[in-house]
Amino acid sequence: MVKEDIKKILESTKSSLDQDYDNFVKSIKNDLESFKKTMLEKS
């Protein structure tokens, strides 16, 4: 019983971490795009 509960918690945590990672990557890419646009406009 405990083993299965731990497995479910781990799966849930992994899923959550994967989603957070994806959101982080998207955020960084968006920031980079914004920065590039800003730099090009200033040139």
Protein backbone atom coordinates (compact mmCIF):
# COMPACT_ATOMS: atom_id res chain seq x y z
CA MET A 1 0.00 0.00 0.00
CA VAL A 2 2.64 2.52 1.04
CA LYS A 3 4.76 1.59 -1.97
CA GLU A 4 1.90 2.40 -4.35
CA ASP A 5 1.18 5.68 -2.60
CA ILE A 6 4.82 6.70 -2.97
CA LYS A 7 4.74 5.73 -6.62
CA LYS A 8 1.66 7.90 -7.22
CA ILE A 9 3.24 10.84 -5.42
CA LEU A 10 6.42 10.47 -7.48
CA GLU A 11 4.47 10.34 -10.73
CA SER A 12 2.50 13.40 -9.73
CA THR A 13 5.65 15.27 -8.75
CA LYS A 14 7.39 14.34 -11.99
CA SER A 15 4.44 15.51 -14.00
CA SER A 16 4.38 18.79 -12.11
CA LEU A 17 8.12 19.30 -12.53
CA ASP A 18 7.92 18.55 -16.24
CA GLN A 19 5.19 21.15 -16.63
CA ASP A 20 7.15 23.71 -14.63
CA TYR A 21 10.22 23.04 -16.76
CA ASP A 22 8.26 23.49 -19.99
CA ASN A 23 6.80 26.75 -18.73
CA PHE A 24 10.25 27.94 -17.69
CA VAL A 25 11.71 27.15 -21.13
CA LYS A 26 8.83 28.96 -22.87
CA SER A 27 9.30 31.95 -20.61
CA ILE A 28 13.03 32.14 -21.33
CA LYS A 29 12.41 31.84 -25.09
CA ASN A 30 9.82 34.61 -24.96
CA ASP A 31 12.16 36.84 -22.96
CA LEU A 32 14.93 36.20 -25.47
CA GLU A 33 12.65 37.06 -28.38
CA SER A 34 11.58 40.27 -26.67
CA PHE A 35 15.18 41.17 -25.99
CA LYS A 36 16.16 40.54 -29.62
CA LYS A 37 13.30 42.71 -30.87
CA THR A 38 14.23 45.49 -28.48
CA MET A 39 17.87 45.36 -29.53
CA LEU A 40 16.98 45.40 -33.23
CA GLU A 41 14.69 48.38 -32.74
CA LYS A 42 17.44 50.31 -30.94
CA SER A 43 20.01 49.70 -33.69
